[in-house]
Amino acid sequence: MGPVGAGTSAKLAINLPLLVFWQSFGEAMALVRHLKKDSDWLVQLFAETAGAPSVLKAKGPSVAAALAGDMSVEPAFDIDSMRKDLRLILEEGGVLGITLPVAAQTLSAFDEASEAALGGRDCAYMPAYWAKKADR
């Protein structure tokens, strides 16, 4: 990648769209929660659209399980680890003099989920957390 630290910069840049996806997908789930559709069906619908990242196809069953209230999904990349990466992304942006408002807002949303005791849960729980907020 280049000099020492370049690989870290690339990793953080690669993770940013993925981290933002989990938050935006949660908001999308909140928007359709009132339709009372089956979680598996909803995830499959989104996975088959042009806007779906490949991670949704891979994590779809875990997301559907989390949306259905299953708390047994084993963490592969937990919410607190995502928060760590978001903080590093914002620090890197600061060093480079770049403002990253989407990353900052995403960190705020992940912080909220962590404060709701989901920090050790898999990223699949971000959509479930936001969808559940729509039920309130």
N, C-alpha and C. Protein backbone atom coordinates (compact mmCIF):
# COMPACT_ATOMS: atom_id res chain seq x y z
N MET A 1 0.82 -1.20 0.00
CA MET A 1 0.00 0.00 0.00
C MET A 1 0.86 1.25 0.00
N GLY A 2 2.06 1.17 0.57
CA GLY A 2 2.91 2.34 0.65
C GLY A 2 3.65 2.36 1.96
N PRO A 3 3.89 3.55 2.50
CA PRO A 3 4.66 3.66 3.74
C PRO A 3 3.90 3.09 4.93
N VAL A 4 4.59 2.96 6.05
CA VAL A 4 3.99 2.45 7.29
C VAL A 4 2.74 3.28 7.60
N GLY A 5 1.66 2.58 7.88
CA GLY A 5 0.39 3.24 8.19
C GLY A 5 -0.57 3.30 7.00
N ALA A 6 -0.05 3.11 5.79
CA ALA A 6 -0.91 3.18 4.60
C ALA A 6 -1.94 2.07 4.60
N GLY A 7 -1.57 0.89 5.04
CA GLY A 7 -2.51 -0.23 5.09
C GLY A 7 -3.66 0.04 6.05
N THR A 8 -3.34 0.67 7.18
CA THR A 8 -4.38 1.02 8.14
C THR A 8 -5.34 2.04 7.54
N SER A 9 -4.79 3.02 6.85
CA SER A 9 -5.64 4.03 6.19
C SER A 9 -6.58 3.36 5.18
N ALA A 10 -6.05 2.43 4.40
CA ALA A 10 -6.87 1.74 3.40
C ALA A 10 -7.94 0.90 4.07
N LYS A 11 -7.58 0.18 5.14
CA LYS A 11 -8.56 -0.65 5.86
C LYS A 11 -9.70 0.20 6.40
N LEU A 12 -9.37 1.33 7.00
CA LEU A 12 -10.40 2.20 7.55
C LEU A 12 -11.29 2.75 6.44
N ALA A 13 -10.69 3.13 5.33
CA ALA A 13 -11.48 3.65 4.20
C ALA A 13 -12.41 2.58 3.65
N ILE A 14 -11.94 1.34 3.59
CA ILE A 14 -12.76 0.24 3.10
C ILE A 14 -13.92 -0.04 4.06
N ASN A 15 -13.66 0.05 5.37
CA ASN A 15 -14.71 -0.23 6.36
C ASN A 15 -15.78 0.84 6.44
N LEU A 16 -15.45 2.09 6.13
CA LEU A 16 -16.41 3.17 6.30
C LEU A 16 -17.74 2.93 5.59
N PRO A 17 -17.76 2.62 4.29
CA PRO A 17 -19.07 2.39 3.64
C PRO A 17 -19.83 1.22 4.27
N LEU A 18 -19.12 0.21 4.72
CA LEU A 18 -19.77 -0.93 5.36
C LEU A 18 -20.42 -0.51 6.68
N LEU A 19 -19.71 0.27 7.47
CA LEU A 19 -20.24 0.72 8.75
C LEU A 19 -21.46 1.62 8.55
N VAL A 20 -21.37 2.49 7.57
CA VAL A 20 -22.50 3.38 7.26
C VAL A 20 -23.68 2.54 6.76
N PHE A 21 -23.38 1.49 5.99
CA PHE A 21 -24.46 0.63 5.50
C PHE A 21 -25.29 0.06 6.65
N TRP A 22 -24.61 -0.47 7.70
CA TRP A 22 -25.37 -1.11 8.77
C TRP A 22 -26.32 -0.12 9.43
N GLN A 23 -25.88 1.11 9.59
CA GLN A 23 -26.76 2.11 10.17
C GLN A 23 -27.91 2.45 9.22
N SER A 24 -27.59 2.69 7.95
CA SER A 24 -28.64 3.07 7.00
C SER A 24 -29.62 1.91 6.77
N PHE A 25 -29.13 0.69 6.81
CA PHE A 25 -30.03 -0.46 6.66
C PHE A 25 -30.97 -0.55 7.87
N GLY A 26 -30.46 -0.23 9.04
CA GLY A 26 -31.33 -0.18 10.22
C GLY A 26 -32.44 0.84 10.06
N GLU A 27 -32.09 2.00 9.51
CA GLU A 27 -33.11 3.02 9.28
C GLU A 27 -34.11 2.56 8.23
N ALA A 28 -33.63 1.85 7.22
CA ALA A 28 -34.54 1.31 6.20
C ALA A 28 -35.50 0.30 6.83
N MET A 29 -34.99 -0.53 7.74
CA MET A 29 -35.85 -1.50 8.43
C MET A 29 -36.89 -0.78 9.28
N ALA A 30 -36.51 0.33 9.88
CA ALA A 30 -37.47 1.11 10.67
C ALA A 30 -38.59 1.64 9.78
N LEU A 31 -38.24 2.03 8.55
CA LEU A 31 -39.25 2.56 7.62
C LEU A 31 -40.26 1.53 7.16
N VAL A 32 -39.88 0.25 7.16
CA VAL A 32 -40.82 -0.78 6.69
C VAL A 32 -41.37 -1.64 7.83
N ARG A 33 -41.01 -1.33 9.04
CA ARG A 33 -41.45 -2.13 10.19
C ARG A 33 -42.98 -2.22 10.26
N HIS A 34 -43.65 -1.13 9.96
CA HIS A 34 -45.11 -1.09 10.06
C HIS A 34 -45.80 -2.05 9.07
N LEU A 35 -45.07 -2.53 8.07
CA LEU A 35 -45.65 -3.45 7.10
C LEU A 35 -45.84 -4.85 7.66
N LYS A 36 -45.18 -5.14 8.79
CA LYS A 36 -45.31 -6.43 9.49
C LYS A 36 -44.94 -7.61 8.60
N LYS A 37 -43.93 -7.42 7.75
CA LYS A 37 -43.47 -8.50 6.87
C LYS A 37 -42.51 -9.41 7.63
N ASP A 38 -42.40 -10.65 7.19
CA ASP A 38 -41.47 -11.62 7.74
C ASP A 38 -40.03 -11.10 7.58
N SER A 39 -39.22 -11.24 8.61
CA SER A 39 -37.84 -10.74 8.59
C SER A 39 -37.02 -11.36 7.47
N ASP A 40 -37.14 -12.67 7.27
CA ASP A 40 -36.40 -13.33 6.19
C ASP A 40 -36.79 -12.75 4.84
N TRP A 41 -38.07 -12.54 4.63
CA TRP A 41 -38.57 -11.99 3.37
C TRP A 41 -38.01 -10.59 3.13
N LEU A 42 -38.04 -9.75 4.17
CA LEU A 42 -37.54 -8.38 4.03
C LEU A 42 -36.06 -8.35 3.69
N VAL A 43 -35.27 -9.13 4.40
CA VAL A 43 -33.83 -9.15 4.14
C VAL A 43 -33.57 -9.63 2.72
N GLN A 44 -34.26 -10.66 2.30
CA GLN A 44 -34.09 -11.17 0.93
C GLN A 44 -34.47 -10.11 -0.10
N LEU A 45 -35.55 -9.40 0.14
CA LEU A 45 -35.96 -8.32 -0.76
C LEU A 45 -34.85 -7.31 -0.93
N PHE A 46 -34.29 -6.84 0.19
CA PHE A 46 -33.21 -5.86 0.12
C PHE A 46 -31.96 -6.45 -0.52
N ALA A 47 -31.65 -7.70 -0.20
CA ALA A 47 -30.44 -8.34 -0.74
C ALA A 47 -30.48 -8.46 -2.25
N GLU A 48 -31.67 -8.52 -2.82
CA GLU A 48 -31.80 -8.68 -4.26
C GLU A 48 -31.89 -7.36 -5.02
N THR A 49 -31.79 -6.24 -4.33
CA THR A 49 -31.87 -4.95 -5.01
C THR A 49 -30.49 -4.49 -5.45
N ALA A 50 -30.47 -3.51 -6.34
CA ALA A 50 -29.21 -2.98 -6.86
C ALA A 50 -28.40 -2.28 -5.78
N GLY A 51 -29.04 -1.79 -4.73
CA GLY A 51 -28.33 -1.06 -3.69
C GLY A 51 -27.73 -1.93 -2.61
N ALA A 52 -27.93 -3.23 -2.66
CA ALA A 52 -27.46 -4.10 -1.58
C ALA A 52 -25.98 -4.42 -1.74
N PRO A 53 -25.22 -4.26 -0.68
CA PRO A 53 -23.82 -4.69 -0.73
C PRO A 53 -23.75 -6.21 -0.57
N SER A 54 -22.65 -6.79 -1.00
CA SER A 54 -22.52 -8.24 -0.93
C SER A 54 -22.57 -8.74 0.52
N VAL A 55 -22.23 -7.90 1.48
CA VAL A 55 -22.27 -8.33 2.88
C VAL A 55 -23.70 -8.70 3.30
N LEU A 56 -24.70 -8.07 2.71
CA LEU A 56 -26.08 -8.40 3.08
C LEU A 56 -26.42 -9.81 2.63
N LYS A 57 -25.91 -10.22 1.50
CA LYS A 57 -26.16 -11.59 1.05
C LYS A 57 -25.49 -12.59 2.00
N ALA A 58 -24.30 -12.25 2.47
CA ALA A 58 -23.58 -13.15 3.37
C ALA A 58 -24.18 -13.15 4.77
N LYS A 59 -24.59 -11.99 5.26
CA LYS A 59 -25.08 -11.86 6.63
C LYS A 59 -26.61 -11.88 6.72
N GLY A 60 -27.28 -12.03 5.60
CA GLY A 60 -28.73 -11.99 5.57
C GLY A 60 -29.43 -12.84 6.61
N PRO A 61 -29.07 -14.12 6.74
CA PRO A 61 -29.73 -14.94 7.75
C PRO A 61 -29.54 -14.41 9.18
N SER A 62 -28.36 -13.90 9.48
CA SER A 62 -28.11 -13.34 10.81
C SER A 62 -28.94 -12.08 11.04
N VAL A 63 -29.04 -11.25 10.01
CA VAL A 63 -29.84 -10.02 10.12
C VAL A 63 -31.31 -10.37 10.33
N ALA A 64 -31.81 -11.32 9.54
CA ALA A 64 -33.21 -11.73 9.67
C ALA A 64 -33.47 -12.31 11.07
N ALA A 65 -32.53 -13.09 11.57
CA ALA A 65 -32.69 -13.66 12.91
C ALA A 65 -32.73 -12.55 13.96
N ALA A 66 -31.83 -11.58 13.83
CA ALA A 66 -31.81 -10.47 14.78
C ALA A 66 -33.10 -9.65 14.69
N LEU A 67 -33.58 -9.42 13.47
CA LEU A 67 -34.84 -8.68 13.29
C LEU A 67 -36.01 -9.42 13.94
N ALA A 68 -35.94 -10.75 13.92
CA ALA A 68 -37.01 -11.57 14.50
C ALA A 68 -36.87 -11.70 16.03
N GLY A 69 -35.83 -11.08 16.59
CA GLY A 69 -35.66 -11.11 18.03
C GLY A 69 -34.73 -12.18 18.56
N ASP A 70 -34.09 -12.93 17.68
CA ASP A 70 -33.15 -13.97 18.08
C ASP A 70 -31.88 -13.30 18.61
N MET A 71 -31.56 -13.53 19.86
CA MET A 71 -30.38 -12.92 20.48
C MET A 71 -29.18 -13.87 20.50
N SER A 72 -29.22 -14.94 19.72
CA SER A 72 -28.15 -15.93 19.76
C SER A 72 -27.16 -15.82 18.61
N VAL A 73 -27.26 -14.79 17.77
CA VAL A 73 -26.32 -14.64 16.66
C VAL A 73 -24.93 -14.35 17.22
N GLU A 74 -23.98 -15.21 16.86
CA GLU A 74 -22.61 -15.05 17.34
C GLU A 74 -21.94 -13.87 16.64
N PRO A 75 -21.25 -13.04 17.40
CA PRO A 75 -20.61 -11.88 16.78
C PRO A 75 -19.40 -12.25 15.92
N ALA A 76 -19.39 -11.74 14.70
CA ALA A 76 -18.22 -11.85 13.82
C ALA A 76 -17.48 -10.52 13.86
N PHE A 77 -18.22 -9.42 13.83
CA PHE A 77 -17.67 -8.07 13.94
C PHE A 77 -18.66 -7.31 14.79
N ASP A 78 -18.33 -7.14 16.07
CA ASP A 78 -19.31 -6.58 16.99
C ASP A 78 -19.39 -5.06 16.91
N ILE A 79 -20.46 -4.54 17.46
CA ILE A 79 -20.77 -3.11 17.40
C ILE A 79 -19.68 -2.27 18.06
N ASP A 80 -19.14 -2.71 19.19
CA ASP A 80 -18.07 -1.94 19.83
C ASP A 80 -16.80 -1.90 18.97
N SER A 81 -16.51 -2.98 18.26
CA SER A 81 -15.36 -2.96 17.34
C SER A 81 -15.61 -2.00 16.19
N MET A 82 -16.85 -1.93 15.75
CA MET A 82 -17.19 -0.98 14.69
C MET A 82 -17.04 0.45 15.20
N ARG A 83 -17.42 0.69 16.45
CA ARG A 83 -17.26 2.01 17.05
C ARG A 83 -15.78 2.39 17.10
N LYS A 84 -14.93 1.42 17.45
CA LYS A 84 -13.49 1.67 17.47
C LYS A 84 -13.02 2.10 16.09
N ASP A 85 -13.43 1.38 15.06
CA ASP A 85 -13.02 1.74 13.70
C ASP A 85 -13.56 3.12 13.31
N LEU A 86 -14.78 3.43 13.69
CA LEU A 86 -15.32 4.75 13.36
C LEU A 86 -14.54 5.86 14.06
N ARG A 87 -14.14 5.63 15.30
CA ARG A 87 -13.32 6.64 15.99
C ARG A 87 -11.97 6.80 15.28
N LEU A 88 -11.38 5.69 14.85
CA LEU A 88 -10.11 5.76 14.12
C LEU A 88 -10.29 6.47 12.78
N ILE A 89 -11.40 6.23 12.12
CA ILE A 89 -11.69 6.90 10.85
C ILE A 89 -11.77 8.41 11.06
N LEU A 90 -12.47 8.82 12.11
CA LEU A 90 -12.60 10.25 12.40
C LEU A 90 -11.25 10.86 12.78
N GLU A 91 -10.44 10.12 13.53
CA GLU A 91 -9.09 10.61 13.87
C GLU A 91 -8.25 10.77 12.61
N GLU A 92 -8.30 9.78 11.73
CA GLU A 92 -7.54 9.84 10.47
C GLU A 92 -8.00 11.03 9.64
N GLY A 93 -9.31 11.24 9.58
CA GLY A 93 -9.83 12.40 8.86
C GLY A 93 -9.31 13.70 9.46
N GLY A 94 -9.28 13.76 10.79
CA GLY A 94 -8.78 14.95 11.46
C GLY A 94 -7.32 15.23 11.13
N VAL A 95 -6.51 14.17 11.14
CA VAL A 95 -5.08 14.31 10.81
C VAL A 95 -4.93 14.83 9.38
N LEU A 96 -5.81 14.38 8.51
CA LEU A 96 -5.74 14.78 7.09
C LEU A 96 -6.48 16.08 6.81
N GLY A 97 -7.15 16.62 7.84
CA GLY A 97 -7.91 17.86 7.66
C GLY A 97 -9.20 17.67 6.90
N ILE A 98 -9.77 16.45 6.99
CA ILE A 98 -11.00 16.12 6.27
C ILE A 98 -12.15 15.99 7.26
N THR A 99 -13.25 16.67 7.01
CA THR A 99 -14.46 16.53 7.81
C THR A 99 -15.26 15.35 7.27
N LEU A 100 -15.68 14.48 8.17
CA LEU A 100 -16.42 13.27 7.78
C LEU A 100 -17.76 13.24 8.53
N PRO A 101 -18.73 14.05 8.09
CA PRO A 101 -19.99 14.14 8.84
C PRO A 101 -20.80 12.85 8.86
N VAL A 102 -20.77 12.06 7.80
CA VAL A 102 -21.52 10.80 7.80
C VAL A 102 -20.90 9.83 8.79
N ALA A 103 -19.59 9.77 8.84
CA ALA A 103 -18.91 8.90 9.80
C ALA A 103 -19.21 9.34 11.22
N ALA A 104 -19.21 10.65 11.46
CA ALA A 104 -19.49 11.16 12.81
C ALA A 104 -20.91 10.81 13.24
N GLN A 105 -21.87 10.96 12.37
CA GLN A 105 -23.25 10.64 12.70
C GLN A 105 -23.43 9.14 12.88
N THR A 106 -22.73 8.35 12.07
CA THR A 106 -22.80 6.90 12.21
C THR A 106 -22.23 6.47 13.56
N LEU A 107 -21.12 7.08 13.97
CA LEU A 107 -20.56 6.77 15.28
C LEU A 107 -21.57 7.08 16.38
N SER A 108 -22.25 8.18 16.27
CA SER A 108 -23.27 8.54 17.26
C SER A 108 -24.36 7.47 17.34
N ALA A 109 -24.78 6.96 16.21
CA ALA A 109 -25.80 5.91 16.19
C ALA A 109 -25.27 4.61 16.80
N PHE A 110 -24.03 4.25 16.48
CA PHE A 110 -23.43 3.05 17.06
C PHE A 110 -23.24 3.22 18.57
N ASP A 111 -22.88 4.43 19.00
CA ASP A 111 -22.75 4.70 20.43
C ASP A 111 -24.09 4.46 21.14
N GLU A 112 -25.16 4.92 20.52
CA GLU A 112 -26.49 4.74 21.10
C GLU A 112 -26.82 3.25 21.24
N ALA A 113 -26.53 2.48 20.21
CA ALA A 113 -26.80 1.03 20.28
C ALA A 113 -25.94 0.37 21.35
N SER A 114 -24.71 0.80 21.47
CA SER A 114 -23.84 0.24 22.51
C SER A 114 -24.36 0.57 23.89
N GLU A 115 -24.83 1.79 24.08
CA GLU A 115 -25.40 2.19 25.37
C GLU A 115 -26.66 1.39 25.69
N ALA A 116 -27.31 0.84 24.66
CA ALA A 116 -28.49 0.00 24.86
C ALA A 116 -28.10 -1.47 25.04
N ALA A 117 -26.85 -1.70 25.43
CA ALA A 117 -26.33 -3.03 25.75
C ALA A 117 -26.12 -3.93 24.53
N LEU A 118 -25.89 -3.35 23.36
CA LEU A 118 -25.64 -4.15 22.17
C LEU A 118 -24.18 -4.12 21.72
N GLY A 119 -23.30 -3.50 22.50
CA GLY A 119 -21.91 -3.34 22.10
C GLY A 119 -21.20 -4.62 21.73
N GLY A 120 -21.47 -5.70 22.43
CA GLY A 120 -20.83 -6.98 22.14
C GLY A 120 -21.56 -7.81 21.10
N ARG A 121 -22.64 -7.30 20.59
CA ARG A 121 -23.44 -8.04 19.59
C ARG A 121 -22.90 -7.83 18.18
N ASP A 122 -23.21 -8.75 17.33
CA ASP A 122 -22.80 -8.70 15.92
C ASP A 122 -23.41 -7.49 15.23
N CYS A 123 -22.78 -7.07 14.15
CA CYS A 123 -23.28 -5.95 13.35
C CYS A 123 -24.70 -6.20 12.86
N ALA A 124 -25.13 -7.44 12.78
CA ALA A 124 -26.49 -7.78 12.35
C ALA A 124 -27.54 -7.17 13.27
N TYR A 125 -27.15 -6.78 14.48
CA TYR A 125 -28.11 -6.21 15.42
C TYR A 125 -28.36 -4.73 15.21
N MET A 126 -27.54 -4.04 14.41
CA MET A 126 -27.81 -2.62 14.16
C MET A 126 -29.15 -2.44 13.45
N PRO A 127 -29.43 -3.17 12.37
CA PRO A 127 -30.75 -3.03 11.75
C PRO A 127 -31.88 -3.39 12.72
N ALA A 128 -31.69 -4.41 13.51
CA ALA A 128 -32.73 -4.82 14.47
C ALA A 128 -32.96 -3.74 15.52
N TYR A 129 -31.89 -3.11 15.98
CA TYR A 129 -32.01 -2.06 16.99
C TYR A 129 -32.85 -0.91 16.45
N TRP A 130 -32.55 -0.45 15.27
CA TRP A 130 -33.30 0.68 14.71
C TRP A 130 -34.72 0.31 14.32
N ALA A 131 -34.91 -0.90 13.83
CA ALA A 131 -36.28 -1.34 13.50
C ALA A 131 -37.11 -1.41 14.77
N LYS A 132 -36.52 -1.90 15.84
CA LYS A 132 -37.26 -2.00 17.11
C LYS A 132 -37.64 -0.62 17.64
N LYS A 133 -36.79 0.38 17.39
CA LYS A 133 -37.11 1.74 17.82
C LYS A 133 -38.37 2.24 17.11
N ALA A 134 -38.62 1.74 15.91
CA ALA A 134 -39.83 2.14 15.16
C ALA A 134 -41.09 1.59 15.82
N ASP A 135 -40.95 0.54 16.62
CA ASP A 135 -42.10 -0.06 17.30
C ASP A 135 -42.56 0.75 18.51
N ARG A 136 -41.75 1.66 18.96
CA ARG A 136 -42.08 2.42 20.17
C ARG A 136 -43.07 3.50 19.91
